[in-house]
Amino acid sequence: MSEVALQIGGRTYRVACAAGEEDRVTRLGATINDKLVSMGNPTGPDAQNLLFAALLLADEVQESRDATAGADEAVAAARRDADTALGQRDQLKATIASLEAELARLQSAAQSSAQEMEGVLSRQTELTEAIADHEAEAARLRAEIADLRSAPPPASGPSSEGSADLAALAPALERFAEMLEECADKLESRAASA
C-alpha cells in the first residue's frame, strides 16, 4: 500500500491507496479541491463543505452516467438498424440476382422466338412463291385448254386420228389443271396457318 498527501480546502489529508494508483488518487483529490474552490469561500465547517463538494461531484458523475446510458441505447439501436439494413441489403442482392437471371432467360427466349419467327417468315415466302408458280402454271394450262377448245376442228382426212388424240387429251389436261388448282389451294392454306 502507498500513501498520498492530498491538499483539499487548504488542508492536507493523508490517504492510503494501492501501489500504482498514486497519480489517479492525486488527480481525484485535485478535482475535489477544484470543486470546493468553485463553490466560493464556504463559511461552514470543513466536513459540511466536503459533503457539498462530494454531492456536486456525484451529481456530475450521475449526469455523465445517464448520458453514457443514453449513448449506449443509441449505439444499440444503431447496431440493430445496421443489422436490419444488412439483412435487407442481402435480401435485395438476392432479389437482384434472381431478377437478372430472369432477365437473361427472357432475353434468350426473345432471341429464340425472333429466330423462329425469321424461319417462319422465310418458309412463308417460299410457300408464297411456290403458290404463285403453281397458279401461273395452272393459268397457262387453262389458256392452252381454251385455245384447244376454240381451235377449229382439224380438217377431215388422214389427220382425223390426230384430232381424236387431241379430243382425248383435253379431259386429261382439264383434270391436270384441276389437280394443280387443288395443290395451290393446299399450299395457300398451309401458308395461312403458318
Protein backbone atom coordinates (compact mmCIF):
# COMPACT_ATOMS: atom_id res chain seq x y z
CA MET A 1 0.00 0.00 0.00
CA SER A 2 1.06 3.55 -0.70
CA GLU A 3 0.09 6.78 0.99
CA VAL A 4 -0.71 10.02 -0.83
CA ALA A 5 -0.95 13.53 0.65
CA LEU A 6 -3.93 15.47 -0.77
CA GLN A 7 -4.35 19.25 -0.47
CA ILE A 8 -8.11 19.90 -0.22
CA GLY A 9 -9.59 23.16 1.04
CA GLY A 10 -6.24 24.35 2.37
CA ARG A 11 -5.75 21.26 4.49
CA THR A 12 -3.58 18.21 3.95
CA TYR A 13 -5.14 14.77 4.12
CA ARG A 14 -3.19 11.52 4.05
CA VAL A 15 -4.91 8.75 2.05
CA ALA A 16 -3.80 5.13 1.58
CA CYS A 17 -4.06 3.62 -1.92
CA ALA A 18 -2.88 0.60 -3.91
CA ALA A 19 0.57 0.71 -5.43
CA GLY A 20 0.47 2.36 -8.87
CA GLU A 21 -2.74 4.30 -8.07
CA GLU A 22 -0.98 7.31 -6.58
CA ASP A 23 -1.40 9.56 -9.65
CA ARG A 24 -5.05 8.69 -10.02
CA VAL A 25 -5.81 9.41 -6.33
CA THR A 26 -3.87 12.70 -6.59
CA ARG A 27 -5.97 13.74 -9.66
CA LEU A 28 -9.19 12.83 -7.82
CA GLY A 29 -8.08 14.93 -4.80
CA ALA A 30 -7.34 17.85 -7.16
CA THR A 31 -10.84 17.51 -8.65
CA ILE A 32 -12.40 17.69 -5.15
CA ASN A 33 -10.26 20.73 -4.31
CA ASP A 34 -11.31 22.43 -7.61
CA LYS A 35 -14.95 21.80 -6.75
CA LEU A 36 -14.51 23.37 -3.28
CA VAL A 37 -12.81 26.38 -4.87
CA SER A 38 -15.65 26.72 -7.41
CA MET A 39 -18.13 26.88 -4.51
CA GLY A 40 -16.50 30.14 -3.42
CA ASN A 41 -15.40 30.83 0.13
CA PRO A 42 -17.58 28.41 2.11
CA THR A 43 -18.36 29.51 5.63
CA GLY A 44 -19.43 26.17 7.07
CA PRO A 45 -17.32 23.50 8.75
CA ASP A 46 -14.87 21.52 6.62
CA ALA A 47 -16.97 18.36 6.80
CA GLN A 48 -20.06 20.18 5.52
CA ASN A 49 -18.07 21.83 2.72
CA LEU A 50 -16.62 18.48 1.71
CA LEU A 51 -20.13 16.98 1.75
CA PHE A 52 -21.45 19.69 -0.62
CA ALA A 53 -18.44 19.23 -2.92
CA ALA A 54 -18.97 15.46 -2.91
CA LEU A 55 -22.69 15.94 -3.72
CA LEU A 56 -21.85 18.22 -6.65
CA LEU A 57 -19.27 15.76 -7.93
CA ALA A 58 -21.70 12.85 -7.51
CA ASP A 59 -24.31 14.84 -9.48
CA GLU A 60 -21.82 15.37 -12.32
CA VAL A 61 -20.90 11.68 -12.28
CA GLN A 62 -24.59 10.68 -12.40
CA GLU A 63 -25.24 13.04 -15.33
CA SER A 64 -22.27 11.51 -17.14
CA ARG A 65 -23.59 8.02 -16.45
CA ASP A 66 -27.07 8.98 -17.68
CA ALA A 67 -25.59 10.46 -20.84
CA THR A 68 -23.48 7.34 -21.32
CA ALA A 69 -26.53 5.10 -20.80
CA GLY A 70 -28.43 7.15 -23.40
CA ALA A 71 -25.47 6.86 -25.74
CA ASP A 72 -25.32 3.10 -25.12
CA GLU A 73 -29.01 2.81 -26.01
CA ALA A 74 -28.43 4.89 -29.13
CA VAL A 75 -25.47 2.70 -30.08
CA ALA A 76 -27.55 -0.45 -29.52
CA ALA A 77 -30.39 0.99 -31.64
CA ALA A 78 -27.89 1.97 -34.34
CA ARG A 79 -26.47 -1.56 -34.30
CA ARG A 80 -29.96 -3.04 -34.60
CA ASP A 81 -30.69 -0.69 -37.50
CA ALA A 82 -27.37 -1.63 -39.12
CA ASP A 83 -28.14 -5.34 -38.73
CA THR A 84 -31.59 -4.81 -40.23
CA ALA A 85 -30.08 -2.82 -43.10
CA LEU A 86 -27.51 -5.56 -43.73
CA GLY A 87 -30.27 -8.17 -43.81
CA GLN A 88 -32.29 -6.04 -46.21
CA ARG A 89 -29.19 -5.50 -48.35
CA ASP A 90 -28.64 -9.25 -48.56
CA GLN A 91 -32.29 -9.78 -49.49
CA LEU A 92 -32.05 -7.08 -52.15
CA LYS A 93 -28.88 -8.63 -53.55
CA ALA A 94 -30.66 -11.99 -53.79
CA THR A 95 -33.67 -10.34 -55.46
CA ILE A 96 -31.41 -8.54 -57.92
CA ALA A 97 -29.61 -11.78 -58.77
CA SER A 98 -32.94 -13.53 -59.28
CA LEU A 99 -34.24 -10.72 -61.50
CA GLU A 100 -31.01 -10.68 -63.52
CA ALA A 101 -31.33 -14.44 -64.10
CA GLU A 102 -34.98 -13.98 -65.15
CA LEU A 103 -33.97 -11.15 -67.50
CA ALA A 104 -31.29 -13.33 -69.09
CA ARG A 105 -33.83 -16.14 -69.54
CA LEU A 106 -36.35 -13.77 -71.11
CA GLN A 107 -33.72 -12.29 -73.43
CA SER A 108 -32.72 -15.79 -74.52
CA ALA A 109 -36.38 -16.70 -75.12
CA ALA A 110 -36.92 -13.48 -77.09
CA GLN A 111 -33.87 -14.21 -79.24
CA SER A 112 -35.05 -17.77 -79.82
CA SER A 113 -38.54 -16.52 -80.73
CA ALA A 114 -37.05 -13.98 -83.14
CA GLN A 115 -35.03 -16.71 -84.86
CA GLU A 116 -38.09 -18.96 -85.04
CA MET A 117 -40.17 -16.11 -86.47
CA GLU A 118 -37.47 -15.45 -89.06
CA GLY A 119 -37.64 -19.12 -90.09
CA VAL A 120 -41.45 -19.00 -90.32
CA LEU A 121 -41.32 -15.85 -92.47
CA SER A 122 -38.72 -17.45 -94.74
CA ARG A 123 -40.88 -20.57 -95.12
CA GLN A 124 -43.95 -18.41 -95.80
CA THR A 125 -42.05 -16.59 -98.56
CA GLU A 126 -41.05 -19.93 -100.10
CA LEU A 127 -44.64 -21.18 -99.99
CA THR A 128 -45.99 -17.94 -101.46
CA GLU A 129 -43.53 -18.23 -104.34
CA ALA A 130 -44.49 -21.89 -104.88
CA ILE A 131 -48.19 -20.94 -104.91
CA ALA A 132 -47.52 -18.20 -107.43
CA ASP A 133 -45.58 -20.64 -109.64
CA HIS A 134 -48.41 -23.23 -109.46
CA GLU A 135 -51.07 -20.61 -110.18
CA ALA A 136 -49.07 -19.39 -113.19
CA GLU A 137 -48.76 -22.97 -114.46
CA ALA A 138 -52.49 -23.56 -113.90
CA ALA A 139 -53.33 -20.35 -115.77
CA ARG A 140 -51.05 -21.36 -118.64
CA LEU A 141 -52.70 -24.79 -118.83
CA ARG A 142 -56.20 -23.24 -118.73
CA ALA A 143 -55.23 -20.94 -121.57
CA GLU A 144 -53.87 -23.87 -123.52
CA ILE A 145 -57.08 -25.81 -122.94
CA ALA A 146 -59.14 -22.81 -124.02
CA ASP A 147 -57.01 -22.46 -127.13
CA LEU A 148 -57.50 -26.12 -127.92
CA ARG A 149 -61.27 -25.86 -127.48
CA SER A 150 -61.56 -22.75 -129.60
CA ALA A 151 -59.30 -24.07 -132.33
CA PRO A 152 -61.12 -25.04 -135.49
CA PRO A 153 -61.64 -28.71 -135.84
CA PRO A 154 -58.95 -30.27 -137.91
CA ALA A 155 -59.66 -30.98 -141.49
CA SER A 156 -61.14 -34.34 -142.17
CA GLY A 157 -58.96 -36.81 -143.70
CA PRO A 158 -55.99 -38.73 -142.70
CA SER A 159 -55.27 -36.40 -139.75
CA SER A 160 -58.59 -37.19 -138.08
CA GLU A 161 -56.69 -39.62 -135.97
CA GLY A 162 -54.62 -36.70 -134.55
CA SER A 163 -57.77 -34.74 -133.72
CA ALA A 164 -59.16 -37.75 -131.88
CA ASP A 165 -55.98 -37.78 -129.83
CA LEU A 166 -56.44 -34.07 -129.07
CA ALA A 167 -60.06 -34.61 -128.09
CA ALA A 168 -58.95 -37.39 -125.75
CA LEU A 169 -56.17 -35.19 -124.40
CA ALA A 170 -58.47 -32.26 -123.43
CA PRO A 171 -60.17 -34.01 -120.45
CA ALA A 172 -56.79 -35.18 -119.19
CA LEU A 173 -55.45 -31.63 -119.40
CA GLU A 174 -58.54 -30.31 -117.58
CA ARG A 175 -58.04 -32.88 -114.83
CA PHE A 176 -54.36 -31.89 -114.61
CA ALA A 177 -55.34 -28.20 -114.29
CA GLU A 178 -57.82 -29.08 -111.50
CA MET A 179 -55.10 -31.02 -109.68
CA LEU A 180 -52.78 -28.02 -109.92
CA GLU A 181 -55.51 -25.74 -108.52
CA GLU A 182 -56.09 -28.14 -105.61
CA CYS A 183 -52.36 -28.21 -104.93
CA ALA A 184 -52.23 -24.39 -104.98
CA ASP A 185 -55.20 -24.23 -102.57
CA LYS A 186 -53.46 -26.61 -100.17
CA LEU A 187 -50.26 -24.56 -100.30
CA GLU A 188 -52.22 -21.36 -99.63
CA SER A 189 -53.95 -22.91 -96.60
CA ARG A 190 -50.59 -24.10 -95.23
CA ALA A 191 -49.07 -20.65 -95.69
CA ALA A 192 -52.05 -19.03 -93.95
CA SER A 193 -51.81 -21.40 -90.96
CA ALA A 194 -48.03 -20.95 -90.65
